[in-house]
Protein backbone atom coordinates (compact mmCIF):
# COMPACT_ATOMS: atom_id res chain seq x y z
CA UNK A 1 0.02 0.03 -0.14
CA UNK A 2 1.06 3.56 -1.07
CA UNK A 3 0.43 6.31 0.73
CA UNK A 4 -1.03 9.13 -0.93
CA UNK A 5 -0.58 11.74 1.48
CA UNK A 6 0.49 12.71 5.13
CA UNK A 7 -2.02 11.31 7.42
CA UNK A 8 -2.25 12.39 11.14
CA UNK A 9 -3.34 10.33 14.08
CA UNK A 10 -2.84 9.15 17.58
CA UNK A 11 -0.49 6.82 19.71
CA UNK A 12 -3.46 4.72 21.26
CA UNK A 13 -6.92 5.15 21.59
CA UNK A 14 -7.93 8.91 21.85
CA UNK A 15 -8.88 10.27 25.35
CA UNK A 16 -12.05 11.28 24.34
CA UNK A 17 -13.25 7.71 23.06
CA UNK A 18 -16.07 6.55 25.21
CA UNK A 19 -15.06 3.28 25.33
CA UNK A 20 -11.47 2.31 25.85
CA UNK A 21 -11.26 -0.57 23.16
CA UNK A 22 -9.20 -0.50 19.85
CA UNK A 23 -12.30 -0.69 17.65
CA UNK A 24 -13.93 2.71 19.52
CA UNK A 25 -10.80 4.47 19.45
CA UNK A 26 -10.74 4.12 15.46
CA UNK A 27 -14.11 5.09 15.35
CA UNK A 28 -13.30 8.20 17.41
CA UNK A 29 -10.24 8.88 15.05
CA UNK A 30 -12.32 9.23 12.26
CA UNK A 31 -14.96 11.56 14.22
CA UNK A 32 -11.90 14.10 15.18
CA UNK A 33 -11.07 14.12 11.28
CA UNK A 34 -7.69 12.39 11.52
CA UNK A 35 -6.54 9.61 9.37
CA UNK A 36 -4.60 6.81 11.33
CA UNK A 37 -4.08 5.47 14.70
CA UNK A 38 -1.14 3.60 15.90
CA UNK A 39 -2.18 0.42 18.05
CA UNK A 40 -0.21 0.31 21.54
CA UNK A 41 0.94 -3.28 22.31
CA UNK A 42 3.26 -1.43 24.59
CA UNK A 43 2.70 -3.86 27.65
CA UNK A 44 1.95 -6.77 25.79
CA UNK A 45 0.15 -8.25 22.78
CA UNK A 46 -3.20 -8.96 24.71
CA UNK A 47 -5.27 -9.27 21.55
CA UNK A 48 -6.54 -12.11 19.91
CA UNK A 49 -7.11 -13.08 16.11
CA UNK A 50 -10.90 -12.86 16.31
CA UNK A 51 -10.54 -9.18 17.81
CA UNK A 52 -7.92 -8.18 15.37
CA UNK A 53 -10.27 -9.23 12.63
CA UNK A 54 -12.98 -7.11 14.00
CA UNK A 55 -10.31 -4.08 13.92
CA UNK A 56 -9.26 -4.79 10.44
CA UNK A 57 -12.88 -4.33 9.35
CA UNK A 58 -13.55 -1.41 11.43
CA UNK A 59 -10.53 0.26 10.25
CA UNK A 60 -11.16 -0.42 6.27
CA UNK A 61 -14.80 0.71 6.78
CA UNK A 62 -13.42 4.17 8.40
CA UNK A 63 -10.71 4.34 5.98
CA UNK A 64 -8.13 4.79 8.99
CA UNK A 65 -4.54 3.56 8.42
CA UNK A 66 -3.13 1.68 11.26
CA UNK A 67 0.39 0.84 12.91
CA UNK A 68 1.50 -0.98 15.90
CA UNK A 69 3.98 -0.37 18.59
CA UNK A 70 5.30 -3.44 20.02
CA UNK A 71 5.91 -3.76 23.93
CA UNK A 72 8.63 -1.71 25.53
CA UNK A 73 10.57 -4.43 26.78
CA UNK A 74 12.89 -5.39 23.90
CA UNK A 75 16.47 -5.62 24.33
CA UNK A 76 18.18 -7.48 21.08
CA UNK A 77 21.31 -6.61 22.81
CA UNK A 78 20.76 -8.26 26.35
CA UNK A 79 23.45 -10.39 28.00
CA UNK A 80 20.94 -13.20 28.62
CA UNK A 81 20.05 -15.36 25.48
CA UNK A 82 16.22 -15.89 27.30
CA UNK A 83 15.74 -11.98 27.01
CA UNK A 84 16.82 -11.84 23.57
CA UNK A 85 14.55 -14.75 22.62
CA UNK A 86 11.43 -13.04 24.74
CA UNK A 87 12.28 -9.69 22.77
CA UNK A 88 12.14 -11.40 19.20
CA UNK A 89 8.81 -13.32 20.53
CA UNK A 90 7.24 -9.67 21.27
CA UNK A 91 8.21 -8.43 18.06
CA UNK A 92 6.90 -11.30 16.38
CA UNK A 93 3.47 -11.42 17.93
CA UNK A 94 3.05 -7.68 17.39
CA UNK A 95 3.58 -8.38 13.80
CA UNK A 96 1.54 -11.41 13.46
CA UNK A 97 -1.51 -10.09 15.18
CA UNK A 98 -0.77 -6.61 13.80
CA UNK A 99 -1.08 -8.23 10.29
CA UNK A 100 -4.32 -9.64 11.13
CA UNK A 101 -5.53 -5.95 12.11
CA UNK A 102 -4.47 -4.56 8.85
CA UNK A 103 -1.52 -2.45 10.33
CA UNK A 104 1.32 -2.14 8.00
CA UNK A 105 4.17 -1.16 10.34
CA UNK A 106 5.49 -2.70 13.46
CA UNK A 107 7.25 -0.13 15.67
CA UNK A 108 9.89 -0.65 18.18
CA UNK A 109 12.84 0.26 20.27
CA UNK A 110 15.67 -2.26 19.29
CA UNK A 111 18.12 -2.44 22.19
CA UNK A 112 20.62 -0.90 24.97
CA UNK A 113 23.91 -0.51 24.44
CA UNK A 114 24.87 -1.56 27.77
CA UNK A 115 28.83 -1.78 28.01
CA UNK A 116 28.97 -3.00 24.39
CA UNK A 117 30.65 -1.04 21.66
CA UNK A 118 28.20 0.46 19.22
CA UNK A 119 29.29 -1.31 16.09
CA UNK A 120 28.86 -4.67 18.10
CA UNK A 121 25.47 -3.72 19.22
CA UNK A 122 24.60 -2.78 15.43
CA UNK A 123 25.76 -6.17 14.26
CA UNK A 124 24.03 -8.19 16.72
CA UNK A 125 20.62 -6.27 16.18
CA UNK A 126 21.02 -6.61 12.38
CA UNK A 127 21.60 -10.41 12.61
CA UNK A 128 18.43 -10.66 14.92
CA UNK A 129 16.47 -8.93 12.78
CA UNK A 130 17.54 -10.52 9.63
CA UNK A 131 16.50 -13.97 10.99
CA UNK A 132 13.08 -12.70 12.10
CA UNK A 133 12.51 -10.93 8.82
CA UNK A 134 13.11 -14.26 7.30
CA UNK A 135 10.77 -16.14 9.36
CA UNK A 136 8.09 -13.48 8.86
CA UNK A 137 8.56 -13.89 4.96
CA UNK A 138 8.28 -17.39 5.23
CA UNK A 139 4.93 -17.26 7.14
CA UNK A 140 3.44 -14.79 4.56
CA UNK A 141 3.38 -12.05 7.34
CA UNK A 142 3.09 -8.97 5.45
CA UNK A 143 4.33 -6.08 7.68
CA UNK A 144 7.07 -3.73 7.69
CA UNK A 145 9.50 -3.87 11.03
CA UNK A 146 10.35 -0.09 11.98
CA UNK A 147 13.10 0.22 14.32
CA UNK A 148 12.62 3.59 16.04
CA UNK A 149 15.04 6.31 16.73
CA UNK A 150 15.53 6.57 20.77
CA UNK A 151 15.60 9.43 23.09
CA UNK A 152 18.25 8.43 25.32
CA UNK A 153 22.23 8.08 24.64
CA UNK A 154 22.14 4.65 26.28
CA UNK A 155 19.72 3.48 23.93
CA UNK A 156 20.51 1.93 20.52
CA UNK A 157 19.22 3.77 18.04
CA UNK A 158 20.56 7.11 16.85
CA UNK A 159 19.54 8.34 13.33
CA UNK A 160 22.98 6.95 11.42
CA UNK A 161 22.01 3.39 13.37
CA UNK A 162 18.66 3.30 12.47
CA UNK A 163 18.85 4.24 8.85
CA UNK A 164 22.16 1.86 8.12
CA UNK A 165 20.17 -1.03 9.73
CA UNK A 166 17.25 -0.21 7.28
CA UNK A 167 19.73 0.08 4.36
CA UNK A 168 20.89 -3.59 5.07
CA UNK A 169 17.68 -5.39 5.56
CA UNK A 170 14.44 -6.08 3.83
CA UNK A 171 10.91 -5.11 5.04
CA UNK A 172 12.65 -2.69 7.79
CA UNK A 173 12.19 0.93 7.44
CA UNK A 174 12.73 3.82 10.12
CA UNK A 175 10.34 5.39 12.61
CA UNK A 176 11.79 8.70 12.76
CA UNK A 177 10.78 10.17 16.26
CA UNK A 178 11.75 13.61 15.79
CA UNK A 179 11.07 14.64 19.66
CA UNK A 180 13.60 11.60 20.44
CA UNK A 181 16.19 13.41 18.02
CA UNK A 182 15.58 16.64 19.89
CA UNK A 183 16.12 14.89 23.61
CA UNK A 184 18.79 12.73 22.62
CA UNK A 185 20.89 15.77 21.15
CA UNK A 186 20.16 17.58 24.60
CA UNK A 187 18.23 20.40 22.82
CA UNK A 188 19.44 20.30 19.18
CA UNK A 189 17.74 18.84 16.37
CA UNK A 190 15.31 21.38 16.42
CA UNK A 191 15.25 23.79 13.19
CA UNK A 192 14.05 23.58 9.90
CA UNK A 193 17.71 23.21 8.76
CA UNK A 194 18.28 20.17 10.87
CA UNK A 195 14.99 18.58 9.95
CA UNK A 196 15.70 19.07 6.48
CA UNK A 197 18.86 17.31 7.06
CA UNK A 198 17.17 14.12 8.77
CA UNK A 199 15.32 13.86 5.41
CA UNK A 200 17.96 14.32 3.35
CA UNK A 201 19.90 11.56 4.90
CA UNK A 202 16.59 9.61 4.71
CA UNK A 203 16.58 10.13 0.90
CA UNK A 204 20.33 9.41 0.51
CA UNK A 205 20.67 6.36 2.44
CA UNK A 206 17.40 4.78 1.75
CA UNK A 207 15.80 6.07 -1.56
CA UNK A 208 12.94 9.03 -2.34
CA UNK A 209 10.51 5.79 -1.92
CA UNK A 210 11.24 5.92 1.97
CA UNK A 211 10.11 9.57 2.07
CA UNK A 212 7.15 8.64 0.79
CA UNK A 213 6.48 5.68 3.25
CA UNK A 214 7.36 7.47 6.36
CA UNK A 215 6.22 6.64 9.91
CA UNK A 216 6.96 9.87 12.10
CA UNK A 217 6.34 10.18 15.83
CA UNK A 218 6.12 14.01 17.13
CA UNK A 219 5.28 15.17 20.51
CA UNK A 220 6.56 17.97 22.88
CA UNK A 221 9.49 16.37 25.17
CA UNK A 222 11.53 17.49 28.30
CA UNK A 223 15.20 16.46 28.34
CA UNK A 224 18.57 16.96 29.85
CA UNK A 225 21.94 15.70 29.35
CA UNK A 226 21.28 12.31 29.95
CA UNK A 227 18.34 12.71 27.30
CA UNK A 228 14.47 12.27 27.26
CA UNK A 229 12.75 12.40 30.50
CA UNK A 230 9.40 12.78 29.47
CA UNK A 231 6.56 13.79 26.89
CA UNK A 232 4.87 17.04 27.15
CA UNK A 233 2.22 18.82 25.02
CA UNK A 234 3.56 20.66 22.01
CA UNK A 235 2.45 24.28 23.23
CA UNK A 236 4.70 23.50 26.79
CA UNK A 237 7.81 22.62 24.84
CA UNK A 238 10.31 23.90 22.78
CA UNK A 239 9.74 21.66 20.01
CA UNK A 240 9.85 23.79 16.60
CA UNK A 241 7.09 21.62 15.33
CA UNK A 242 5.70 24.31 12.68
CA UNK A 243 9.10 24.11 11.09
CA UNK A 244 9.36 20.37 11.12
CA UNK A 245 6.14 20.21 9.27
CA UNK A 246 7.17 22.75 6.87
CA UNK A 247 10.33 20.71 6.26
CA UNK A 248 8.04 17.52 5.73
CA UNK A 249 5.80 19.43 3.44
CA UNK A 250 8.82 20.87 1.15
CA UNK A 251 10.22 17.28 0.86
CA UNK A 252 6.56 15.84 0.09
CA UNK A 253 6.69 13.11 2.72
CA UNK A 254 3.68 10.66 2.92
CA UNK A 255 2.76 8.36 5.35
CA UNK A 256 1.87 8.58 9.03
CA UNK A 257 2.69 11.20 11.35
CA UNK A 258 1.85 10.06 15.18
CA UNK A 259 1.11 12.23 18.15
CA UNK A 260 2.93 10.62 21.20
CA UNK A 261 1.52 13.60 23.32
CA UNK A 262 0.06 13.42 26.77
CA UNK A 263 -2.97 14.82 24.78
CA UNK A 264 -2.90 12.80 21.94
CA UNK A 265 -5.58 13.84 20.14
CA UNK A 266 -5.45 17.32 20.93
CA UNK A 267 -1.99 17.66 19.58
CA UNK A 268 -2.73 15.54 16.46
CA UNK A 269 -5.35 17.94 15.39
CA UNK A 270 -2.84 20.85 15.94
CA UNK A 271 -0.21 19.07 13.82
CA UNK A 272 -2.83 18.39 11.04
CA UNK A 273 -4.13 21.94 11.03
CA UNK A 274 -0.70 23.35 11.09
CA UNK A 275 0.44 21.49 8.35
CA UNK A 276 -2.58 22.54 6.02
CA UNK A 277 -2.17 25.87 6.94
CA UNK A 278 1.43 26.02 5.61
């Protein structure tokens, strides 16, 4: 599926949903005039096949694009093999159920450096993802894995690592979290020129097609020398989101923009309105 435009939506069910179910969340996203929703499996994949099929039907009926965020506790560089196996299982389960839901992309935080060299962590993560994508292909699980740029220097996942990883693997594309890039750099990565540089790097290392199939996270963010602290409302943060949106528009980026704000729907609407006013 190719996206015809840039869609805006929520990380999880909108807070104004009457019922806290994925199906009601999709319906509420539609009512709000938004175009997508990221299903949050962050505390575990607790949806069955039957429910997933109903989610897919609802999303298709409402014309809402879906993605999935896999559980938070994933570390493909754990020193304990059983934790690596558990991490792979969490990504696999997210992809399996997500594909039935009709979600095209599976987002996850790949690993922590711990005490290892970044290049060693890169090799390990690449190997594990290569094995997983091969298995998914054999089983006909038609989703894209999206390792996310991370918000703390202790986490594997700076921009170059994520893009290089994607350039070396099939069915793996980035999730660019611009708030995380901003926090990880302790306040940099926050101008039109810097946003443009990120998009240029995506196009150079991956392709123009990657810019037409983007998955983006945006929120306000509090940060310090150790990176990300917590997410904030856009208007309570220093993130220059209008300049980011201008860069996305100038590069004709298509795909999904997900608001991870404490007010996921309010800030998703702000992002959409601002983008279309530029």
